Protein backbone atom coordinates (compact mmCIF):
# COMPACT_ATOMS: atom_id res chain seq x y z
CA UNK A 1 7.89 12.10 1.77
CA UNK A 2 9.88 9.59 3.81
CA UNK A 3 7.60 9.82 6.81
CA UNK A 4 4.46 9.41 4.68
CA UNK A 5 5.94 6.33 3.02
CA UNK A 6 6.95 4.89 6.39
CA UNK A 7 3.48 5.49 7.85
CA UNK A 8 1.84 3.90 4.82
CA UNK A 9 4.11 0.85 5.10
CA UNK A 10 3.40 0.55 8.83
CA UNK A 11 -0.36 0.75 8.26
CA UNK A 12 -0.12 -1.88 5.54
CA UNK A 13 1.84 -4.22 7.82
CA UNK A 14 -0.63 -3.82 10.67
CA UNK A 15 -3.59 -4.62 8.42
CA UNK A 16 -1.71 -7.53 6.85
CA UNK A 17 -0.98 -8.94 10.30
CA UNK A 18 -4.61 -8.63 11.35
CA UNK A 19 -5.84 -10.35 8.20
CA UNK A 20 -3.31 -13.18 8.17
CA UNK A 21 -3.37 -14.06 11.86
CA UNK A 22 -7.11 -14.56 12.10
CA UNK A 23 -7.79 -11.75 14.52
CA UNK A 24 -11.41 -11.91 15.58
CA UNK A 25 -13.23 -8.96 14.07
CA UNK A 26 -16.94 -8.37 14.67
CA UNK A 27 -19.05 -8.72 11.52
CA UNK A 28 -19.80 -4.98 11.57
CA UNK A 29 -16.08 -4.15 11.33
CA UNK A 30 -15.07 -6.70 8.70
CA UNK A 31 -16.09 -4.44 5.81
CA UNK A 32 -13.94 -1.62 7.16
CA UNK A 33 -10.98 -3.97 7.59
CA UNK A 34 -11.24 -5.25 4.03
CA UNK A 35 -11.69 -1.75 2.58
CA UNK A 36 -8.71 -0.50 4.60
CA UNK A 37 -6.59 -3.35 3.29
CA UNK A 38 -7.71 -2.62 -0.28
CA UNK A 39 -7.04 1.10 0.05
CA UNK A 40 -3.58 0.56 1.55
CA UNK A 41 -2.59 -1.76 -1.31
CA UNK A 42 -4.05 0.65 -3.86
CA UNK A 43 -2.09 3.56 -2.36
CA UNK A 44 1.12 1.54 -2.37
CA UNK A 45 0.66 0.45 -5.99
CA UNK A 46 -0.26 3.99 -7.02
CA UNK A 47 2.85 5.41 -5.36
CA UNK A 48 5.05 2.79 -6.95
CA UNK A 49 3.58 3.46 -10.39
CA UNK A 50 4.02 7.22 -9.93
CA UNK A 51 7.70 6.78 -9.06
CA UNK A 52 8.18 4.46 -12.03
CA UNK A 53 6.41 6.93 -14.30
CA UNK A 54 8.62 9.75 -13.05
CA UNK A 55 11.72 7.67 -13.71
CA UNK A 56 10.56 6.93 -17.24
CA UNK A 57 9.77 10.62 -17.82
CA UNK A 58 13.27 11.62 -16.75
CA UNK A 59 15.07 9.16 -18.97
CA UNK A 60 12.60 8.89 -21.82
CA UNK A 61 13.08 5.13 -21.89
CA UNK A 62 12.92 2.19 -19.46
CA UNK A 63 15.75 1.94 -16.95
CA UNK A 64 18.44 -0.67 -17.55
CA UNK A 65 18.83 -3.25 -14.80
């Protein structure tokens, strides 16, 4: 689990760097870059929601801060 999370975070950071630093991407590859960015964010949000859901299932109520 830890390695998968680390790889996902690394992939997200690489794509974020490419998007924010104006790396020149040919027009044919721009769609793949955008879809990769979308899918990495979606996977991160999905994983976060799954962990939150598991926490709520264990306690039966929201966690206290």
